[in-house]
Amino acid sequence: MYDFAIIGGGIVGLSTAKALYERYPNAKVLLLEKENELAAHQTGHNSGVIHSGIYYKPGSYKARFARQGSKSMTQFCQEHDIEHDICGKVIVATKDEELPLLDNLYNRGLENQLDIRKISKEELNEIEPHVNGKAAIKVEAAGIVNYKQVTEKFAEIIRKQGADIQLGTKAEDISELNDGVTIETNKGTFKARFLINCAGLHSDRVTKLAGYRTDVKIVPFRGEYYKLVPERRHLVKNLIYPVPNPKFPFLGVHFTRMIGGEVDAGPNAVLSFKREGYKLTDFDLKDFAEVMGYPGFWKLASKFMGEGLEEMARSISKARFVASLQELIPEIQEKDLVPGPAGVRAQALKSDGGFVDDFHMINGERSIHVCNAPSPAATASIEIGKEIVRQIADQPHLTEAKSAASL
């Protein structure tokens, strides 16, 4: 029997395994991943930004973990020679009506104890010469990294400590018993004293397999990107973001310099008809029917009808997409952009149509389920792993699991 079984081979699952070994160095840890490689979905399709936490409600998991996570992620990359760059970013107000929102965001950043400063149009253009803006915030701690490389390093570390990583292994049924958890998979049965659900896009389904009902369903949103052609990459020095709509949980189209020098432009945010649907034509009947049959989705759709239609228009029309980008960099033209990769965000939605706007975990008898871990989960992954292990350590009825792991 394993001491701990983790479902999900993305960055959060791997960071949790790493945190388990730091607290219980002799633990027997199993990690199950249904794909044939690690970091196959949200982690592997991530924009690569090390976030600061400026956007998030003070005191929330997101704010605290992003602030701490940017430091711990940077330190981890330094210790393990993973290429990264703490290059900073600018958040730009392009219209007069956005200036009060910029002030609100600045004050939130101060509440979150971040190293930020307001800059004038002249200072902005010294940093990003091609950007159109009235004013901006410079966020010093933001950076870039390849999170798939980080995940692979996590895997290397835990394998050396004895972790059993089973790829191509999908959980199909879960039974919590008095003495442990039984996980039925397509490759046989596994038993552990405790289960940790880090299944990302399928976290709600794994929670249900374990016998728990929540008021949360994962609704997948596809984010589509373009890339700047090489001869136009000079238009973007580092990271350029708009002032976000405070009522909409997406950051708007922005520019991201990647490790390696490429520049991504985007994303939009459109409903995906498949939980792992990276193309416009991807469709899965089960995934689609679940969303269409969920009352919370229709309440959300009615609330954000205008924003949703605009996002769909940007998905269909390159010209509309370019027009959004031109608000930040007027020089951008359609010929400067080629299609880039897409990602799918696992957004937890409540039945009343409200977004779950923070990391959300629920505790079972012998399990913890990470039911919502969207951006900045990659930045915060080391801290999320520590928090999961802290919650396990606080459960008095798991004495035998913790004792066995500590021997």
Protein backbone atom coordinates (compact mmCIF):
# COMPACT_ATOMS: atom_id res chain seq x y z
CA MET A 1 0.00 0.00 0.00
CA TYR A 2 1.15 3.52 -0.80
CA ASP A 3 1.03 6.25 1.82
CA PHE A 4 -0.17 8.88 -0.63
CA ALA A 5 -1.68 8.68 -4.11
CA ILE A 6 -1.89 11.76 -6.31
CA ILE A 7 -4.13 11.94 -9.37
CA GLY A 8 -2.84 14.43 -11.92
CA GLY A 9 0.59 14.88 -13.49
CA GLY A 10 0.58 18.64 -13.96
CA ILE A 11 2.65 21.13 -12.04
CA VAL A 12 0.36 21.14 -8.98
CA GLY A 13 0.39 17.35 -8.66
CA LEU A 14 4.18 17.19 -8.99
CA SER A 15 4.77 20.09 -6.58
CA THR A 16 2.50 18.35 -4.06
CA ALA A 17 4.56 15.17 -4.32
CA LYS A 18 7.71 17.23 -3.76
CA ALA A 19 6.15 18.86 -0.68
CA LEU A 20 5.12 15.44 0.68
CA TYR A 21 8.70 14.21 0.53
CA GLU A 22 9.95 17.36 2.23
CA ARG A 23 7.67 16.65 5.19
CA TYR A 24 7.62 12.84 5.02
CA PRO A 25 10.95 11.81 3.44
CA ASN A 26 10.26 8.07 3.74
CA ALA A 27 6.76 8.17 2.28
CA LYS A 28 5.62 5.82 -0.46
CA VAL A 29 4.10 8.16 -3.06
CA LEU A 30 2.16 7.17 -6.18
CA LEU A 31 1.32 9.63 -8.94
CA LEU A 32 -1.21 8.69 -11.60
CA GLU A 33 -1.42 10.56 -14.92
CA LYS A 34 -3.86 9.52 -17.63
CA GLU A 35 -1.70 10.91 -20.47
CA ASN A 36 1.55 9.37 -21.64
CA GLU A 37 3.52 12.43 -20.57
CA LEU A 38 3.56 14.86 -17.67
CA ALA A 39 2.32 18.45 -17.98
CA ALA A 40 0.22 17.52 -21.01
CA HIS A 41 -2.58 20.03 -20.53
CA GLN A 42 -2.83 23.27 -18.53
CA THR A 43 0.81 23.22 -17.43
CA GLY A 44 2.14 22.41 -20.88
CA HIS A 45 -0.03 25.04 -22.55
CA ASN A 46 0.77 27.76 -20.03
CA SER A 47 1.86 31.28 -21.03
CA GLY A 48 4.96 30.91 -18.88
CA VAL A 49 4.44 34.04 -16.78
CA ILE A 50 5.65 34.20 -13.18
CA HIS A 51 2.83 36.28 -11.74
CA SER A 52 3.15 38.76 -8.88
CA GLY A 53 -0.37 38.61 -7.42
CA ILE A 54 -1.41 42.20 -8.12
CA TYR A 55 -4.88 41.30 -9.42
CA TYR A 56 -6.12 39.21 -6.53
CA LYS A 57 -8.24 40.05 -3.50
CA PRO A 58 -6.01 40.82 -0.50
CA GLY A 59 -5.94 37.92 1.92
CA SER A 60 -7.09 35.37 -0.68
CA TYR A 61 -5.18 32.19 -1.45
CA LYS A 62 -4.42 33.59 -4.89
CA ALA A 63 -2.91 36.82 -3.55
CA ARG A 64 -0.87 35.12 -0.83
CA PHE A 65 0.28 32.15 -2.87
CA ALA A 66 1.15 34.23 -5.94
CA ARG A 67 3.26 36.63 -3.87
CA GLN A 68 5.03 33.83 -2.02
CA GLY A 69 5.06 31.60 -5.09
CA SER A 70 6.84 34.10 -7.31
CA LYS A 71 9.67 34.10 -4.78
CA SER A 72 9.78 30.33 -4.24
CA MET A 73 9.49 29.61 -7.97
CA THR A 74 12.33 32.03 -8.75
CA GLN A 75 14.47 30.48 -6.01
CA PHE A 76 13.74 26.97 -7.32
CA CYS A 77 14.77 27.97 -10.84
CA GLN A 78 17.97 29.51 -9.53
CA GLU A 79 18.84 26.41 -7.51
CA HIS A 80 18.27 24.05 -10.43
CA ASP A 81 19.59 26.18 -13.31
CA ILE A 82 16.20 26.47 -15.02
CA GLU A 83 16.17 29.35 -17.48
CA HIS A 84 13.98 32.21 -16.29
CA ASP A 85 13.92 35.98 -16.38
CA ILE A 86 12.43 38.33 -13.78
CA CYS A 87 11.89 41.00 -16.42
CA GLY A 88 8.95 42.87 -14.91
CA LYS A 89 5.74 43.86 -16.65
CA VAL A 90 3.67 46.94 -17.34
CA ILE A 91 -0.12 47.19 -16.89
CA VAL A 92 -1.30 49.94 -19.20
CA ALA A 93 -4.29 52.28 -19.18
CA THR A 94 -4.97 53.25 -22.81
CA LYS A 95 -8.06 55.41 -22.16
CA ASP A 96 -8.93 58.12 -19.66
CA GLU A 97 -11.78 56.03 -18.25
CA GLU A 98 -9.27 53.30 -17.34
CA LEU A 99 -7.21 55.60 -15.11
CA PRO A 100 -9.43 55.12 -12.01
CA LEU A 101 -9.26 51.36 -12.55
CA LEU A 102 -5.47 51.60 -12.77
CA ASP A 103 -5.45 53.50 -9.45
CA ASN A 104 -7.62 50.80 -7.86
CA LEU A 105 -5.28 48.11 -9.14
CA TYR A 106 -2.27 50.00 -7.82
CA ASN A 107 -3.83 50.26 -4.36
CA ARG A 108 -4.64 46.56 -4.42
CA GLY A 109 -1.02 45.81 -5.29
CA LEU A 110 0.12 47.88 -2.32
CA GLU A 111 -2.30 45.97 -0.07
CA ASN A 112 -0.76 42.76 -1.39
CA GLN A 113 2.70 44.08 -0.37
CA LEU A 114 4.12 44.09 -3.89
CA ASP A 115 7.07 46.01 -5.32
CA ILE A 116 5.19 48.19 -7.80
CA ARG A 117 5.22 51.80 -8.94
CA LYS A 118 3.01 54.05 -11.03
CA ILE A 119 4.70 55.41 -14.12
CA SER A 120 3.87 58.20 -16.54
CA LYS A 121 3.40 57.92 -20.28
CA GLU A 122 7.00 59.08 -20.74
CA GLU A 123 8.39 56.44 -18.35
CA LEU A 124 6.22 53.80 -19.99
CA ASN A 125 7.65 54.59 -23.40
CA GLU A 126 11.19 54.32 -22.06
CA ILE A 127 10.37 50.76 -20.98
CA GLU A 128 8.12 49.78 -23.91
CA PRO A 129 8.68 52.32 -26.74
CA HIS A 130 5.88 51.04 -28.98
CA VAL A 131 3.07 50.98 -26.40
CA ASN A 132 0.20 53.45 -26.45
CA GLY A 133 -0.79 54.42 -22.93
CA LYS A 134 -1.97 57.23 -20.69
CA ALA A 135 -0.22 55.79 -17.62
CA ALA A 136 0.87 52.40 -16.30
CA ILE A 137 1.95 50.33 -13.34
CA LYS A 138 5.39 48.73 -13.40
CA VAL A 139 5.39 45.37 -11.62
CA GLU A 140 8.97 44.49 -10.80
CA ALA A 141 8.55 40.88 -9.66
CA ALA A 142 6.84 39.48 -12.78
CA GLY A 143 8.88 37.18 -14.97
CA ILE A 144 8.90 34.31 -17.45
CA VAL A 145 9.83 30.64 -17.33
CA ASN A 146 8.97 27.36 -19.06
CA TYR A 147 6.70 25.59 -16.58
CA LYS A 148 7.00 22.27 -18.38
CA GLN A 149 10.73 22.33 -17.58
CA VAL A 150 9.90 23.11 -13.95
CA THR A 151 7.49 20.17 -13.83
CA GLU A 152 10.08 17.83 -15.32
CA LYS A 153 12.56 18.91 -12.63
CA PHE A 154 9.94 18.24 -9.93
CA ALA A 155 9.50 14.76 -11.44
CA GLU A 156 13.25 14.13 -11.47
CA ILE A 157 13.48 15.11 -7.79
CA ILE A 158 10.62 12.91 -6.59
CA ARG A 159 11.71 9.92 -8.69
CA LYS A 160 15.09 10.06 -6.95
CA GLN A 161 13.19 9.95 -3.64
CA GLY A 162 11.31 6.85 -4.72
CA ALA A 163 8.05 8.12 -6.18
CA ASP A 164 6.16 5.76 -8.48
CA ILE A 165 4.91 7.76 -11.48
CA GLN A 166 2.41 5.82 -13.58
CA LEU A 167 1.73 7.38 -16.98
CA GLY A 168 -1.18 6.41 -19.25
CA THR A 169 -3.13 5.47 -16.13
CA LYS A 170 -6.67 6.84 -15.79
CA ALA A 171 -8.67 6.69 -12.56
CA GLU A 172 -12.04 5.09 -13.26
CA ASP A 173 -13.44 4.48 -9.78
CA ILE A 174 -12.45 5.48 -6.24
CA SER A 175 -13.53 3.96 -2.93
CA GLU A 176 -12.69 5.55 0.41
CA LEU A 177 -12.57 2.92 3.15
CA ASN A 178 -11.77 3.04 6.86
CA ASP A 179 -8.14 2.11 6.32
CA GLY A 180 -7.40 3.75 2.99
CA VAL A 181 -8.43 4.52 -0.57
CA THR A 182 -8.79 2.11 -3.48
CA ILE A 183 -8.31 3.51 -6.97
CA GLU A 184 -9.52 1.46 -9.93
CA THR A 185 -7.74 2.41 -13.16
CA ASN A 186 -7.43 1.21 -16.73
CA LYS A 187 -4.17 -0.45 -15.66
CA GLY A 188 -5.25 -2.16 -12.48
CA THR A 189 -6.02 -1.36 -8.85
CA PHE A 190 -3.94 0.81 -6.54
CA LYS A 191 -4.32 1.34 -2.80
CA ALA A 192 -3.14 4.21 -0.64
CA ARG A 193 -3.74 5.57 2.83
CA PHE A 194 -4.60 9.01 1.45
CA LEU A 195 -5.64 10.49 -1.92
CA ILE A 196 -4.86 13.92 -3.36
CA ASN A 197 -6.87 15.03 -6.39
CA CYS A 198 -4.89 17.42 -8.61
CA ALA A 199 -6.69 16.47 -11.82
CA GLY A 200 -7.11 20.00 -13.18
CA LEU A 201 -9.59 19.93 -16.05
CA HIS A 202 -11.13 16.76 -14.59
CA SER A 203 -10.91 17.63 -10.88
CA ASP A 204 -14.69 17.80 -10.45
CA ARG A 205 -15.10 14.36 -12.02
CA VAL A 206 -12.44 12.81 -9.78
CA THR A 207 -14.13 14.42 -6.77
CA LYS A 208 -17.39 12.80 -7.84
CA LEU A 209 -15.66 9.42 -8.35
CA ALA A 210 -14.55 9.61 -4.72
CA GLY A 211 -18.17 10.08 -3.64
CA TYR A 212 -18.27 13.80 -2.94
CA ARG A 213 -20.83 16.23 -4.31
CA THR A 214 -19.95 19.89 -4.67
CA ASP A 215 -21.64 23.00 -6.00
CA VAL A 216 -18.83 23.34 -8.53
CA LYS A 217 -18.40 22.24 -12.13
CA ILE A 218 -15.37 22.73 -14.34
CA VAL A 219 -16.25 24.75 -17.44
CA PRO A 220 -13.41 24.82 -20.01
CA PHE A 221 -12.46 28.10 -21.67
CA ARG A 222 -10.06 28.05 -24.59
CA GLY A 223 -7.51 30.83 -24.84
CA GLU A 224 -6.28 31.38 -28.41
CA TYR A 225 -2.97 33.10 -29.17
CA TYR A 226 -1.10 34.55 -32.09
CA LYS A 227 2.66 34.90 -32.30
CA LEU A 228 4.56 37.89 -33.61
CA VAL A 229 6.65 37.09 -36.67
CA PRO A 230 10.39 37.24 -35.83
CA GLU A 231 11.02 40.56 -37.57
CA ARG A 232 8.34 42.27 -35.43
CA ARG A 233 9.30 40.90 -32.02
CA HIS A 234 11.19 44.13 -31.29
CA LEU A 235 7.79 45.78 -30.71
CA VAL A 236 7.60 44.00 -27.33
CA LYS A 237 10.44 44.13 -24.82
CA ASN A 238 8.92 42.07 -22.00
CA LEU A 239 5.33 41.76 -20.68
CA ILE A 240 2.56 44.19 -21.61
CA TYR A 241 -0.93 43.89 -20.09
CA PRO A 242 -4.11 45.98 -20.31
CA VAL A 243 -6.09 47.14 -17.30
CA PRO A 244 -8.44 44.19 -16.73
CA ASN A 245 -12.20 44.37 -16.56
CA PRO A 246 -12.78 43.94 -12.79
CA LYS A 247 -16.07 42.11 -13.42
CA PHE A 248 -14.65 39.58 -15.90
CA PRO A 249 -12.23 36.90 -14.63
CA PHE A 250 -9.85 37.06 -17.61
CA LEU A 251 -7.02 39.52 -18.12
CA GLY A 252 -7.71 40.60 -21.70
CA VAL A 253 -5.37 40.23 -24.66
CA HIS A 254 -1.76 41.02 -23.81
CA PHE A 255 1.80 40.51 -25.04
CA THR A 256 4.15 37.98 -23.48
CA ARG A 257 7.81 37.50 -24.30
CA MET A 258 8.58 33.82 -23.88
CA ILE A 259 11.73 32.05 -22.79
CA GLY A 260 13.50 31.59 -26.11
CA GLY A 261 12.52 34.99 -27.51
CA GLU A 262 9.13 34.34 -29.12
CA VAL A 263 6.32 36.79 -28.39
CA ASP A 264 2.76 35.59 -27.79
CA ALA A 265 -0.22 37.88 -28.30
CA GLY A 266 -3.52 37.00 -26.68
CA PRO A 267 -5.49 35.22 -25.43
CA ASN A 268 -9.16 35.58 -25.98
CA ALA A 269 -11.43 33.43 -23.83
CA VAL A 270 -14.12 31.32 -25.52
CA LEU A 271 -16.11 28.36 -24.33
CA SER A 272 -14.43 25.12 -25.37
CA PHE A 273 -16.68 22.29 -26.54
CA LYS A 274 -14.17 19.79 -25.17
CA ARG A 275 -12.30 19.87 -21.87
CA GLU A 276 -9.04 19.34 -23.71
CA GLY A 277 -10.14 21.14 -26.87
CA TYR A 278 -7.24 23.19 -28.20
CA LYS A 279 -8.75 23.73 -31.66
CA LEU A 280 -11.94 25.51 -32.70
CA THR A 281 -13.24 22.26 -34.22
CA ASP A 282 -12.58 20.06 -31.17
CA PHE A 283 -15.80 18.59 -29.80
CA ASP A 284 -16.74 16.02 -27.19
CA LEU A 285 -20.42 15.21 -26.73
CA LYS A 286 -20.13 14.37 -23.02
CA ASP A 287 -18.18 17.54 -22.22
CA PHE A 288 -20.53 19.70 -24.30
CA ALA A 289 -23.67 18.17 -22.82
CA GLU A 290 -22.41 18.69 -19.26
CA VAL A 291 -21.90 22.40 -19.84
CA MET A 292 -25.16 22.88 -21.74
CA GLY A 293 -27.09 21.06 -19.03
CA TYR A 294 -25.56 23.03 -16.17
CA PRO A 295 -27.78 25.86 -14.88
CA GLY A 296 -24.77 27.83 -13.72
CA PHE A 297 -23.47 28.15 -17.27
CA TRP A 298 -26.68 29.73 -18.54
CA LYS A 299 -26.76 32.18 -15.63
CA LEU A 300 -23.16 33.09 -16.43
CA ALA A 301 -23.91 33.43 -20.15
CA SER A 302 -26.80 35.82 -19.53
CA LYS A 303 -24.66 37.94 -17.22
CA PHE A 304 -21.70 38.25 -19.62
CA MET A 305 -23.47 38.04 -22.96
CA GLY A 306 -21.75 41.14 -24.39
CA GLU A 307 -18.26 40.12 -23.30
CA GLY A 308 -18.85 36.57 -24.52
CA LEU A 309 -19.91 37.70 -27.98
CA GLU A 310 -16.85 39.93 -28.23
CA GLU A 311 -14.57 37.05 -27.30
CA MET A 312 -16.25 34.85 -29.93
CA ALA A 313 -15.85 37.57 -32.54
CA ARG A 314 -12.11 37.75 -31.80
CA SER A 315 -11.92 33.98 -32.17
CA ILE A 316 -13.52 34.03 -35.61
CA SER A 317 -12.06 37.28 -36.96
CA LYS A 318 -8.32 37.94 -37.01
CA ALA A 319 -9.09 41.58 -37.78
CA ARG A 320 -11.08 41.90 -34.52
CA PHE A 321 -8.26 40.23 -32.62
CA VAL A 322 -5.73 42.62 -34.14
CA ALA A 323 -7.91 45.62 -33.29
CA SER A 324 -7.77 44.61 -29.62
CA LEU A 325 -3.99 44.31 -29.75
CA GLN A 326 -3.72 47.70 -31.45
CA GLU A 327 -5.16 49.36 -28.36
CA LEU A 328 -1.83 48.54 -26.71
CA ILE A 329 0.51 48.64 -29.73
CA PRO A 330 -0.99 50.64 -32.63
CA GLU A 331 1.76 49.51 -35.04
CA ILE A 332 0.57 45.90 -34.99
CA GLN A 333 -0.84 44.72 -38.34
CA GLU A 334 -2.49 41.46 -39.40
CA LYS A 335 0.60 40.44 -41.36
CA ASP A 336 2.67 40.66 -38.17
CA LEU A 337 0.84 37.74 -36.60
CA VAL A 338 0.79 34.00 -37.21
CA PRO A 339 -1.43 31.49 -35.36
CA GLY A 340 0.05 30.29 -32.08
CA PRO A 341 -0.83 27.57 -29.60
CA ALA A 342 -4.01 27.55 -27.55
CA GLY A 343 -4.59 26.63 -23.94
CA VAL A 344 -7.67 25.54 -22.02
CA ARG A 345 -8.42 26.98 -18.60
CA ALA A 346 -10.30 24.84 -16.09
CA GLN A 347 -12.63 27.42 -14.58
CA ALA A 348 -14.77 26.25 -11.68
CA LEU A 349 -18.31 27.60 -11.91
CA LYS A 350 -20.99 27.51 -9.22
CA SER A 351 -24.62 26.61 -9.89
CA ASP A 352 -25.69 30.22 -9.31
CA GLY A 353 -23.50 31.29 -12.25
CA GLY A 354 -20.72 32.74 -10.12
CA PHE A 355 -17.08 32.03 -10.79
CA VAL A 356 -15.06 30.38 -8.04
CA ASP A 357 -12.56 33.22 -7.87
CA ASP A 358 -9.97 31.65 -5.58
CA PHE A 359 -8.12 28.37 -5.25
CA HIS A 360 -10.67 25.96 -3.83
CA MET A 361 -9.96 22.70 -1.98
CA ILE A 362 -12.32 20.37 -0.19
CA ASN A 363 -11.37 17.77 2.41
CA GLY A 364 -12.74 14.26 2.34
CA GLU A 365 -12.27 11.60 4.97
CA ARG A 366 -9.10 10.30 3.33
CA SER A 367 -8.68 12.75 0.50
CA ILE A 368 -8.12 16.33 -0.50
CA HIS A 369 -9.58 17.61 -3.76
CA VAL A 370 -8.15 20.67 -5.50
CA CYS A 371 -11.36 21.76 -7.20
CA ASN A 372 -10.19 25.08 -8.62
CA ALA A 373 -6.61 25.97 -9.50
CA PRO A 374 -6.54 28.29 -12.52
CA SER A 375 -3.90 30.96 -13.11
CA PRO A 376 -1.73 31.77 -11.14
CA ALA A 377 -1.55 28.10 -10.13
CA ALA A 378 1.73 27.49 -11.96
CA THR A 379 3.38 30.45 -10.23
CA ALA A 380 1.88 29.36 -6.92
CA SER A 381 2.42 25.62 -7.37
CA ILE A 382 5.15 25.24 -4.74
CA GLU A 383 2.99 27.08 -2.21
CA ILE A 384 -0.14 25.11 -3.13
CA GLY A 385 1.78 21.89 -2.56
CA LYS A 386 2.91 23.09 0.87
CA GLU A 387 -0.66 24.07 1.77
CA ILE A 388 -2.02 20.65 0.79
CA VAL A 389 0.58 18.93 2.95
CA ARG A 390 -0.17 21.32 5.83
CA GLN A 391 -3.85 20.38 5.63
CA ILE A 392 -2.95 16.68 5.66
CA ALA A 393 -0.74 17.19 8.71
CA ASP A 394 -3.63 18.90 10.50
CA GLN A 395 -5.97 15.91 10.14
CA PRO A 396 -5.73 13.94 13.41
CA HIS A 397 -7.39 10.78 12.10
CA LEU A 398 -4.56 10.17 9.60
CA THR A 399 -2.05 9.20 12.28
CA GLU A 400 -1.21 5.83 10.73
CA ALA A 401 -0.58 7.31 7.26
CA LYS A 402 1.69 10.02 8.63
CA SER A 403 3.45 7.62 10.98
CA ALA A 404 4.13 5.12 8.19
CA ALA A 405 5.42 7.87 5.93
CA SER A 406 7.75 9.17 8.64
CA LEU A 407 9.40 5.85 9.46
